[in-house]
């Protein structure tokens, strides 16, 4: 079985594949400091609570945008699963070509999403990930990663708002019944959700116009993306498991780089 790990700024998302079938997913909070033993014990327990035997994990791939956790996390995989993980980094086979000014600045998670969207849906494709930042990445018809837009994520915007304005409370992020809000909480919810919808529609429209790819598919992922995708016709496909699928695809392309203990 293959364990795939997406280490983001807010959460570490994990999945277990047997072949192409995803059998279980689970999450850890990224910002909690953990030793390699804490990671190892936690990961084994999480896998087994999904009803999956942890001793059948024989392959691991990691995409991380948080360098500080990689030593402990990688050591945990080696010690508790007896596998040296494949790490998404410069030099691995992706099947896409990055032509931005500095390809090394493109986050591993965005490369994984681009690979998944292009492999599963073809190109041109606009890949949106609603995470700590909301990213819009354009992959051309020949698999070229052409350009990107990075905006504050919806939760990041919310935290900035209630963190900087003393009278605004922390709120649940959800779509209110109407944009015509009449009190503070629903007013904030309206601004956050409808603001993100408007941002999405404008940026997608502008990317299509300037690239000339008017028929580009739009594929979205990320936890809060489900709220946005349900409210706009500009998103063609919402796939909460896009990054995990991309990690599996990348692992298959790079089996030869894996070195087991």
C-alpha atoms as a PDB file:
ATOM      1  CA  UNK A   1       0.000   0.000   0.000  1.00  0.00           C
ATOM      2  CA  UNK A   2       1.038   3.576  -0.652  1.00  0.00           C
ATOM      3  CA  UNK A   3       0.886   6.285   2.013  1.00  0.00           C
ATOM      4  CA  UNK A   4       0.649   9.799   0.512  1.00  0.00           C
ATOM      5  CA  UNK A   5       1.340  12.862   2.665  1.00  0.00           C
ATOM      6  CA  UNK A   6       0.565  16.493   1.822  1.00  0.00           C
ATOM      7  CA  UNK A   7       2.189  18.739   4.446  1.00  0.00           C
ATOM      8  CA  UNK A   8       0.595  22.179   4.153  1.00  0.00           C
ATOM      9  CA  UNK A   9       0.927  25.313   6.237  1.00  0.00           C
ATOM     10  CA  UNK A  10      -2.235  24.559   8.238  1.00  0.00           C
ATOM     11  CA  UNK A  11      -2.813  20.796   8.019  1.00  0.00           C
ATOM     12  CA  UNK A  12      -0.993  17.618   7.096  1.00  0.00           C
ATOM     13  CA  UNK A  13      -3.367  15.571   4.954  1.00  0.00           C
ATOM     14  CA  UNK A  14      -2.718  11.871   4.446  1.00  0.00           C
ATOM     15  CA  UNK A  15      -4.228   9.106   2.355  1.00  0.00           C
ATOM     16  CA  UNK A  16      -3.680   5.388   1.821  1.00  0.00           C
ATOM     17  CA  UNK A  17      -3.914   3.873  -1.662  1.00  0.00           C
ATOM     18  CA  UNK A  18      -4.052   0.283  -2.762  1.00  0.00           C
ATOM     19  CA  UNK A  19      -3.523   0.592  -6.501  1.00  0.00           C
ATOM     20  CA  UNK A  20      -5.670   3.481  -7.687  1.00  0.00           C
ATOM     21  CA  UNK A  21      -8.240   3.132  -4.914  1.00  0.00           C
ATOM     22  CA  UNK A  22      -8.080   5.549  -1.970  1.00  0.00           C
ATOM     23  CA  UNK A  23      -8.997   3.636   1.177  1.00  0.00           C
ATOM     24  CA  UNK A  24      -8.695   6.246   3.903  1.00  0.00           C
ATOM     25  CA  UNK A  25      -7.826   9.890   4.589  1.00  0.00           C
ATOM     26  CA  UNK A  26      -6.929  11.704   7.796  1.00  0.00           C
ATOM     27  CA  UNK A  27      -5.418  14.987   9.001  1.00  0.00           C
ATOM     28  CA  UNK A  28      -2.941  16.359  11.498  1.00  0.00           C
ATOM     29  CA  UNK A  29      -2.389  19.975  12.524  1.00  0.00           C
ATOM     30  CA  UNK A  30       0.889  21.197  11.045  1.00  0.00           C
ATOM     31  CA  UNK A  31       1.729  23.847  13.634  1.00  0.00           C
ATOM     32  CA  UNK A  32       2.029  21.450  16.578  1.00  0.00           C
ATOM     33  CA  UNK A  33       5.702  20.559  17.079  1.00  0.00           C
ATOM     34  CA  UNK A  34       6.238  16.791  17.091  1.00  0.00           C
ATOM     35  CA  UNK A  35       9.223  14.499  17.446  1.00  0.00           C
ATOM     36  CA  UNK A  36       9.841  11.688  14.983  1.00  0.00           C
ATOM     37  CA  UNK A  37       8.442   9.213  17.524  1.00  0.00           C
ATOM     38  CA  UNK A  38       5.276  11.274  17.965  1.00  0.00           C
ATOM     39  CA  UNK A  39       4.793  11.415  14.198  1.00  0.00           C
ATOM     40  CA  UNK A  40       5.493   7.710  13.791  1.00  0.00           C
ATOM     41  CA  UNK A  41       3.173   6.503  16.545  1.00  0.00           C
ATOM     42  CA  UNK A  42       0.411   8.900  15.488  1.00  0.00           C
ATOM     43  CA  UNK A  43       0.608   7.926  11.816  1.00  0.00           C
ATOM     44  CA  UNK A  44       0.581   4.192  12.538  1.00  0.00           C
ATOM     45  CA  UNK A  45      -2.404   4.579  14.852  1.00  0.00           C
ATOM     46  CA  UNK A  46      -4.302   6.701  12.329  1.00  0.00           C
ATOM     47  CA  UNK A  47      -3.716   4.192   9.544  1.00  0.00           C
ATOM     48  CA  UNK A  48      -4.868   1.318  11.728  1.00  0.00           C
ATOM     49  CA  UNK A  49      -7.977   3.197  12.920  1.00  0.00           C
ATOM     50  CA  UNK A  50      -9.002   3.300   9.251  1.00  0.00           C
ATOM     51  CA  UNK A  51      -9.019  -0.497   9.402  1.00  0.00           C
ATOM     52  CA  UNK A  52      -5.800  -0.744   7.405  1.00  0.00           C
ATOM     53  CA  UNK A  53      -2.769  -2.800   8.535  1.00  0.00           C
ATOM     54  CA  UNK A  54       0.110  -0.365   8.915  1.00  0.00           C
ATOM     55  CA  UNK A  55       2.671  -3.093   8.226  1.00  0.00           C
ATOM     56  CA  UNK A  56       1.352  -3.285   4.649  1.00  0.00           C
ATOM     57  CA  UNK A  57       2.516   0.286   3.928  1.00  0.00           C
ATOM     58  CA  UNK A  58       5.489  -0.361   1.645  1.00  0.00           C
ATOM     59  CA  UNK A  59       5.718   2.998  -0.159  1.00  0.00           C
ATOM     60  CA  UNK A  60       5.471   6.643   0.949  1.00  0.00           C
ATOM     61  CA  UNK A  61       5.517   9.944  -0.954  1.00  0.00           C
ATOM     62  CA  UNK A  62       5.555  13.396   0.673  1.00  0.00           C
ATOM     63  CA  UNK A  63       4.870  16.875  -0.703  1.00  0.00           C
ATOM     64  CA  UNK A  64       5.691  19.590   1.816  1.00  0.00           C
ATOM     65  CA  UNK A  65       5.702  23.383   1.926  1.00  0.00           C
ATOM     66  CA  UNK A  66       6.873  23.327   5.560  1.00  0.00           C
ATOM     67  CA  UNK A  67      10.630  22.556   5.613  1.00  0.00           C
ATOM     68  CA  UNK A  68      10.847  22.668   9.434  1.00  0.00           C
ATOM     69  CA  UNK A  69       8.874  19.433   9.896  1.00  0.00           C
ATOM     70  CA  UNK A  70      10.614  17.355   7.256  1.00  0.00           C
ATOM     71  CA  UNK A  71      13.441  15.953   9.384  1.00  0.00           C
ATOM     72  CA  UNK A  72      11.094  14.611  12.062  1.00  0.00           C
ATOM     73  CA  UNK A  73       8.471  13.450   9.574  1.00  0.00           C
ATOM     74  CA  UNK A  74      10.953  11.725   7.290  1.00  0.00           C
ATOM     75  CA  UNK A  75      12.694  10.053  10.231  1.00  0.00           C
ATOM     76  CA  UNK A  76       9.316   8.820  11.503  1.00  0.00           C
ATOM     77  CA  UNK A  77       8.516   7.176   8.169  1.00  0.00           C
ATOM     78  CA  UNK A  78      11.889   5.415   8.100  1.00  0.00           C
ATOM     79  CA  UNK A  79      11.736   4.283  11.739  1.00  0.00           C
ATOM     80  CA  UNK A  80       8.084   3.196  11.965  1.00  0.00           C
ATOM     81  CA  UNK A  81       7.272   2.110   8.409  1.00  0.00           C
ATOM     82  CA  UNK A  82      10.787   1.003   7.346  1.00  0.00           C
ATOM     83  CA  UNK A  83      10.493   2.952   4.103  1.00  0.00           C
ATOM     84  CA  UNK A  84      12.546   5.877   2.815  1.00  0.00           C
ATOM     85  CA  UNK A  85       9.925   8.299   1.500  1.00  0.00           C
ATOM     86  CA  UNK A  86       9.988   9.828  -1.951  1.00  0.00           C
ATOM     87  CA  UNK A  87       9.883  13.613  -1.522  1.00  0.00           C
ATOM     88  CA  UNK A  88       8.403  15.867  -4.207  1.00  0.00           C
ATOM     89  CA  UNK A  89      11.279  18.185  -5.112  1.00  0.00           C
ATOM     90  CA  UNK A  90      13.311  19.462  -8.063  1.00  0.00           C
ATOM     91  CA  UNK A  91      14.421  16.626 -10.296  1.00  0.00           C
ATOM     92  CA  UNK A  92      11.486  14.243  -9.982  1.00  0.00           C
ATOM     93  CA  UNK A  93       9.452  13.298 -13.055  1.00  0.00           C
ATOM     94  CA  UNK A  94       6.185  15.223 -13.242  1.00  0.00           C
ATOM     95  CA  UNK A  95       5.026  15.088 -16.843  1.00  0.00           C
ATOM     96  CA  UNK A  96       4.581  18.875 -16.867  1.00  0.00           C
ATOM     97  CA  UNK A  97       7.089  21.603 -17.746  1.00  0.00           C
ATOM     98  CA  UNK A  98       7.301  24.708 -15.566  1.00  0.00           C
ATOM     99  CA  UNK A  99       8.116  27.853 -17.569  1.00  0.00           C
ATOM    100  CA  UNK A 100       7.674  30.509 -14.892  1.00  0.00           C
ATOM    101  CA  UNK A 101      10.660  32.800 -14.220  1.00  0.00           C
ATOM    102  CA  UNK A 102      11.788  30.782 -11.195  1.00  0.00           C
ATOM    103  CA  UNK A 103      10.390  27.220 -11.324  1.00  0.00           C
ATOM    104  CA  UNK A 104      11.922  26.395  -7.921  1.00  0.00           C
ATOM    105  CA  UNK A 105       9.566  28.904  -6.283  1.00  0.00           C
ATOM    106  CA  UNK A 106       6.490  26.882  -7.284  1.00  0.00           C
ATOM    107  CA  UNK A 107       5.325  25.019  -4.170  1.00  0.00           C
ATOM    108  CA  UNK A 108       5.334  21.233  -4.140  1.00  0.00           C
ATOM    109  CA  UNK A 109       1.602  21.153  -3.411  1.00  0.00           C
ATOM    110  CA  UNK A 110       0.852  23.252  -6.496  1.00  0.00           C
ATOM    111  CA  UNK A 111       2.995  21.005  -8.695  1.00  0.00           C
ATOM    112  CA  UNK A 112       1.109  17.989  -7.371  1.00  0.00           C
ATOM    113  CA  UNK A 113      -2.276  19.611  -8.038  1.00  0.00           C
ATOM    114  CA  UNK A 114      -1.206  20.637 -11.540  1.00  0.00           C
ATOM    115  CA  UNK A 115      -0.045  17.102 -12.332  1.00  0.00           C
ATOM    116  CA  UNK A 116      -3.313  15.639 -11.033  1.00  0.00           C
ATOM    117  CA  UNK A 117      -5.559  18.086 -12.890  1.00  0.00           C
ATOM    118  CA  UNK A 118      -3.654  17.753 -16.183  1.00  0.00           C
ATOM    119  CA  UNK A 119      -3.409  13.956 -15.979  1.00  0.00           C
ATOM    120  CA  UNK A 120      -7.060  13.438 -15.019  1.00  0.00           C
ATOM    121  CA  UNK A 121      -8.717  16.188 -17.062  1.00  0.00           C
ATOM    122  CA  UNK A 122      -6.273  17.285 -19.752  1.00  0.00           C
ATOM    123  CA  UNK A 123      -5.295  20.805 -20.694  1.00  0.00           C
ATOM    124  CA  UNK A 124      -5.631  23.668 -20.807  1.00  0.00           C
ATOM    125  CA  UNK A 125      -6.716  23.624 -17.189  1.00  0.00           C
ATOM    126  CA  UNK A 126      -6.887  26.212 -14.408  1.00  0.00           C
ATOM    127  CA  UNK A 127      -6.210  24.617 -11.027  1.00  0.00           C
ATOM    128  CA  UNK A 128      -7.547  26.404  -7.943  1.00  0.00           C
ATOM    129  CA  UNK A 129      -6.526  25.373  -4.438  1.00  0.00           C
ATOM    130  CA  UNK A 130      -8.404  27.007  -1.568  1.00  0.00           C
ATOM    131  CA  UNK A 131      -5.852  26.641   1.206  1.00  0.00           C
ATOM    132  CA  UNK A 132      -3.906  28.996   3.471  1.00  0.00           C
ATOM    133  CA  UNK A 133      -3.450  30.915   0.227  1.00  0.00           C
ATOM    134  CA  UNK A 134      -5.830  30.619  -2.703  1.00  0.00           C
ATOM    135  CA  UNK A 135      -3.763  29.714  -5.760  1.00  0.00           C
ATOM    136  CA  UNK A 136      -4.773  29.783  -9.423  1.00  0.00           C
ATOM    137  CA  UNK A 137      -2.352  27.848 -11.655  1.00  0.00           C
ATOM    138  CA  UNK A 138      -2.615  27.629 -15.447  1.00  0.00           C
ATOM    139  CA  UNK A 139      -1.468  24.493 -17.272  1.00  0.00           C
ATOM    140  CA  UNK A 140      -1.513  24.727 -21.052  1.00  0.00           C
ATOM    141  CA  UNK A 141      -2.746  22.133 -23.565  1.00  0.00           C
ATOM    142  CA  UNK A 142       0.744  20.598 -23.865  1.00  0.00           C
ATOM    143  CA  UNK A 143       1.241  20.224 -20.103  1.00  0.00           C
ATOM    144  CA  UNK A 144       3.206  23.439 -19.610  1.00  0.00           C
ATOM    145  CA  UNK A 145       2.801  25.177 -16.242  1.00  0.00           C
ATOM    146  CA  UNK A 146       2.497  28.671 -17.660  1.00  0.00           C
ATOM    147  CA  UNK A 147       1.495  31.121 -14.936  1.00  0.00           C
ATOM    148  CA  UNK A 148      -0.003  31.560 -11.493  1.00  0.00           C
ATOM    149  CA  UNK A 149      -1.986  33.895  -9.258  1.00  0.00           C
ATOM    150  CA  UNK A 150      -1.651  33.785  -5.452  1.00  0.00           C
ATOM    151  CA  UNK A 151      -4.235  35.456  -3.193  1.00  0.00           C
ATOM    152  CA  UNK A 152      -4.966  35.326   0.552  1.00  0.00           C
ATOM    153  CA  UNK A 153      -6.961  32.246   1.492  1.00  0.00           C
ATOM    154  CA  UNK A 154     -10.479  32.670   2.819  1.00  0.00           C
ATOM    155  CA  UNK A 155      -9.530  31.534   6.339  1.00  0.00           C
ATOM    156  CA  UNK A 156      -6.391  33.684   6.270  1.00  0.00           C
ATOM    157  CA  UNK A 157      -8.520  36.694   5.324  1.00  0.00           C
ATOM    158  CA  UNK A 158     -10.963  35.897   8.114  1.00  0.00           C
ATOM    159  CA  UNK A 159      -8.215  35.626  10.734  1.00  0.00           C
ATOM    160  CA  UNK A 160      -6.669  38.903   9.578  1.00  0.00           C
ATOM    161  CA  UNK A 161     -10.040  40.615   9.861  1.00  0.00           C
ATOM    162  CA  UNK A 162     -10.928  39.533  13.386  1.00  0.00           C
ATOM    163  CA  UNK A 163      -7.301  39.708  14.500  1.00  0.00           C
ATOM    164  CA  UNK A 164      -6.880  43.332  13.420  1.00  0.00           C
ATOM    165  CA  UNK A 165     -10.342  44.690  14.257  1.00  0.00           C
ATOM    166  CA  UNK A 166     -10.969  44.618  18.010  1.00  0.00           C
ATOM    167  CA  UNK A 167     -14.768  44.579  17.760  1.00  0.00           C
ATOM    168  CA  UNK A 168     -15.038  41.812  15.149  1.00  0.00           C
ATOM    169  CA  UNK A 169     -15.412  38.267  16.562  1.00  0.00           C
ATOM    170  CA  UNK A 170     -13.996  34.977  15.306  1.00  0.00           C
ATOM    171  CA  UNK A 171     -16.719  33.319  13.229  1.00  0.00           C
ATOM    172  CA  UNK A 172     -17.609  30.117  11.432  1.00  0.00           C
ATOM    173  CA  UNK A 173     -16.886  30.436   7.724  1.00  0.00           C
ATOM    174  CA  UNK A 174     -20.064  29.566   5.851  1.00  0.00           C
ATOM    175  CA  UNK A 175     -22.416  31.108   3.330  1.00  0.00           C
ATOM    176  CA  UNK A 176     -25.105  33.195   5.040  1.00  0.00           C
ATOM    177  CA  UNK A 177     -28.744  32.955   3.965  1.00  0.00           C
ATOM    178  CA  UNK A 178     -28.483  36.238   2.077  1.00  0.00           C
ATOM    179  CA  UNK A 179     -25.843  38.770   1.096  1.00  0.00           C
ATOM    180  CA  UNK A 180     -28.219  41.356   2.595  1.00  0.00           C
ATOM    181  CA  UNK A 181     -26.861  40.726   6.078  1.00  0.00           C
ATOM    182  CA  UNK A 182     -28.351  42.566   9.028  1.00  0.00           C
ATOM    183  CA  UNK A 183     -25.909  41.797  11.854  1.00  0.00           C
ATOM    184  CA  UNK A 184     -22.153  41.492  12.335  1.00  0.00           C
ATOM    185  CA  UNK A 185     -21.553  37.745  12.027  1.00  0.00           C
ATOM    186  CA  UNK A 186     -23.565  37.210   8.849  1.00  0.00           C
ATOM    187  CA  UNK A 187     -22.123  40.453   7.462  1.00  0.00           C
ATOM    188  CA  UNK A 188     -18.617  39.039   7.910  1.00  0.00           C
ATOM    189  CA  UNK A 189     -19.659  35.697   6.439  1.00  0.00           C
ATOM    190  CA  UNK A 190     -21.173  37.457   3.436  1.00  0.00           C
ATOM    191  CA  UNK A 191     -18.032  39.490   2.839  1.00  0.00           C
ATOM    192  CA  UNK A 192     -15.749  36.464   3.117  1.00  0.00           C
ATOM    193  CA  UNK A 193     -17.752  33.979   1.053  1.00  0.00           C
ATOM    194  CA  UNK A 194     -19.218  36.256  -1.615  1.00  0.00           C
ATOM    195  CA  UNK A 195     -15.924  38.129  -1.797  1.00  0.00           C
ATOM    196  CA  UNK A 196     -14.121  34.864  -2.533  1.00  0.00           C
ATOM    197  CA  UNK A 197     -16.738  33.907  -5.135  1.00  0.00           C
ATOM    198  CA  UNK A 198     -16.303  37.269  -6.849  1.00  0.00           C
ATOM    199  CA  UNK A 199     -12.528  36.972  -6.716  1.00  0.00           C
ATOM    200  CA  UNK A 200     -12.693  33.480  -8.221  1.00  0.00           C
ATOM    201  CA  UNK A 201     -14.981  34.498 -11.070  1.00  0.00           C
ATOM    202  CA  UNK A 202     -12.938  37.586 -11.955  1.00  0.00           C
ATOM    203  CA  UNK A 203      -9.534  35.905 -11.808  1.00  0.00           C
ATOM    204  CA  UNK A 204     -10.686  32.866 -13.817  1.00  0.00           C
ATOM    205  CA  UNK A 205     -12.272  35.140 -16.423  1.00  0.00           C
ATOM    206  CA  UNK A 206      -9.115  37.262 -16.639  1.00  0.00           C
ATOM    207  CA  UNK A 207      -6.820  34.225 -16.937  1.00  0.00           C
ATOM    208  CA  UNK A 208      -8.934  32.847 -19.785  1.00  0.00           C
ATOM    209  CA  UNK A 209      -9.011  36.200 -21.553  1.00  0.00           C
ATOM    210  CA  UNK A 210      -5.269  36.943 -21.343  1.00  0.00           C
ATOM    211  CA  UNK A 211      -4.154  33.361 -22.078  1.00  0.00           C
ATOM    212  CA  UNK A 212      -6.622  32.858 -24.917  1.00  0.00           C
ATOM    213  CA  UNK A 213      -7.699  29.546 -23.384  1.00  0.00           C
ATOM    214  CA  UNK A 214     -11.393  30.391 -23.267  1.00  0.00           C
ATOM    215  CA  UNK A 215     -12.366  26.705 -23.075  1.00  0.00           C
ATOM    216  CA  UNK A 216      -9.956  25.825 -20.246  1.00  0.00           C
ATOM    217  CA  UNK A 217     -11.414  23.495 -17.637  1.00  0.00           C
ATOM    218  CA  UNK A 218     -11.423  24.845 -14.095  1.00  0.00           C
ATOM    219  CA  UNK A 219     -10.627  22.285 -11.396  1.00  0.00           C
ATOM    220  CA  UNK A 220     -10.791  23.271  -7.716  1.00  0.00           C
ATOM    221  CA  UNK A 221      -9.666  21.647  -4.492  1.00  0.00           C
ATOM    222  CA  UNK A 222      -9.069  22.577  -0.845  1.00  0.00           C
ATOM    223  CA  UNK A 223     -11.382  22.225   2.140  1.00  0.00           C
ATOM    224  CA  UNK A 224     -13.237  25.533   1.856  1.00  0.00           C
ATOM    225  CA  UNK A 225     -13.352  25.248  -1.916  1.00  0.00           C
ATOM    226  CA  UNK A 226     -16.503  23.161  -1.649  1.00  0.00           C
ATOM    227  CA  UNK A 227     -18.424  26.239  -0.433  1.00  0.00           C
ATOM    228  CA  UNK A 228     -17.181  28.347  -3.351  1.00  0.00           C
ATOM    229  CA  UNK A 229     -17.614  25.660  -6.018  1.00  0.00           C
ATOM    230  CA  UNK A 230     -21.255  25.196  -5.042  1.00  0.00           C
ATOM    231  CA  UNK A 231     -21.985  28.881  -5.674  1.00  0.00           C
ATOM    232  CA  UNK A 232     -20.366  29.575  -9.051  1.00  0.00           C
ATOM    233  CA  UNK A 233     -20.615  28.157 -12.545  1.00  0.00           C
ATOM    234  CA  UNK A 234     -17.028  29.083 -13.374  1.00  0.00           C
ATOM    235  CA  UNK A 235     -15.691  25.987 -11.538  1.00  0.00           C
ATOM    236  CA  UNK A 236     -16.219  22.853 -13.639  1.00  0.00           C
ATOM    237  CA  UNK A 237     -14.941  20.219 -11.211  1.00  0.00           C
ATOM    238  CA  UNK A 238     -14.458  20.219  -7.446  1.00  0.00           C
ATOM    239  CA  UNK A 239     -12.232  17.390  -6.176  1.00  0.00           C
ATOM    240  CA  UNK A 240     -11.409  17.372  -2.471  1.00  0.00           C
ATOM    241  CA  UNK A 241      -8.883  14.569  -3.044  1.00  0.00           C
ATOM    242  CA  UNK A 242      -7.035  16.172  -5.968  1.00  0.00           C
ATOM    243  CA  UNK A 243      -3.700  16.543  -4.130  1.00  0.00           C
ATOM    244  CA  UNK A 244      -3.763  12.975  -2.804  1.00  0.00           C
ATOM    245  CA  UNK A 245      -4.510  11.659  -6.295  1.00  0.00           C
ATOM    246  CA  UNK A 246      -1.667  13.774  -7.661  1.00  0.00           C
ATOM    247  CA  UNK A 247       0.752  12.299  -5.144  1.00  0.00           C
ATOM    248  CA  UNK A 248      -0.226   8.778  -6.230  1.00  0.00           C
ATOM    249  CA  UNK A 249       0.288   9.739  -9.890  1.00  0.00           C
ATOM    250  CA  UNK A 250       3.714  11.221  -9.102  1.00  0.00           C
ATOM    251  CA  UNK A 251       4.719   8.143  -7.148  1.00  0.00           C
ATOM    252  CA  UNK A 252       3.868   5.938 -10.128  1.00  0.00           C
ATOM    253  CA  UNK A 253       5.987   8.153 -12.385  1.00  0.00           C
ATOM    254  CA  UNK A 254       8.957   7.974  -9.997  1.00  0.00           C
ATOM    255  CA  UNK A 255       9.005   4.452  -8.568  1.00  0.00           C
ATOM    256  CA  UNK A 256      12.650   4.086  -9.477  1.00  0.00           C
ATOM    257  CA  UNK A 257      13.651   6.941  -7.135  1.00  0.00           C
ATOM    258  CA  UNK A 258      12.336   5.163  -4.056  1.00  0.00           C
ATOM    259  CA  UNK A 259      14.885   3.430  -1.879  1.00  0.00           C
ATOM    260  CA  UNK A 260      13.589   1.098   0.774  1.00  0.00           C
ATOM    261  CA  UNK A 261      15.623   0.303   3.797  1.00  0.00           C
END
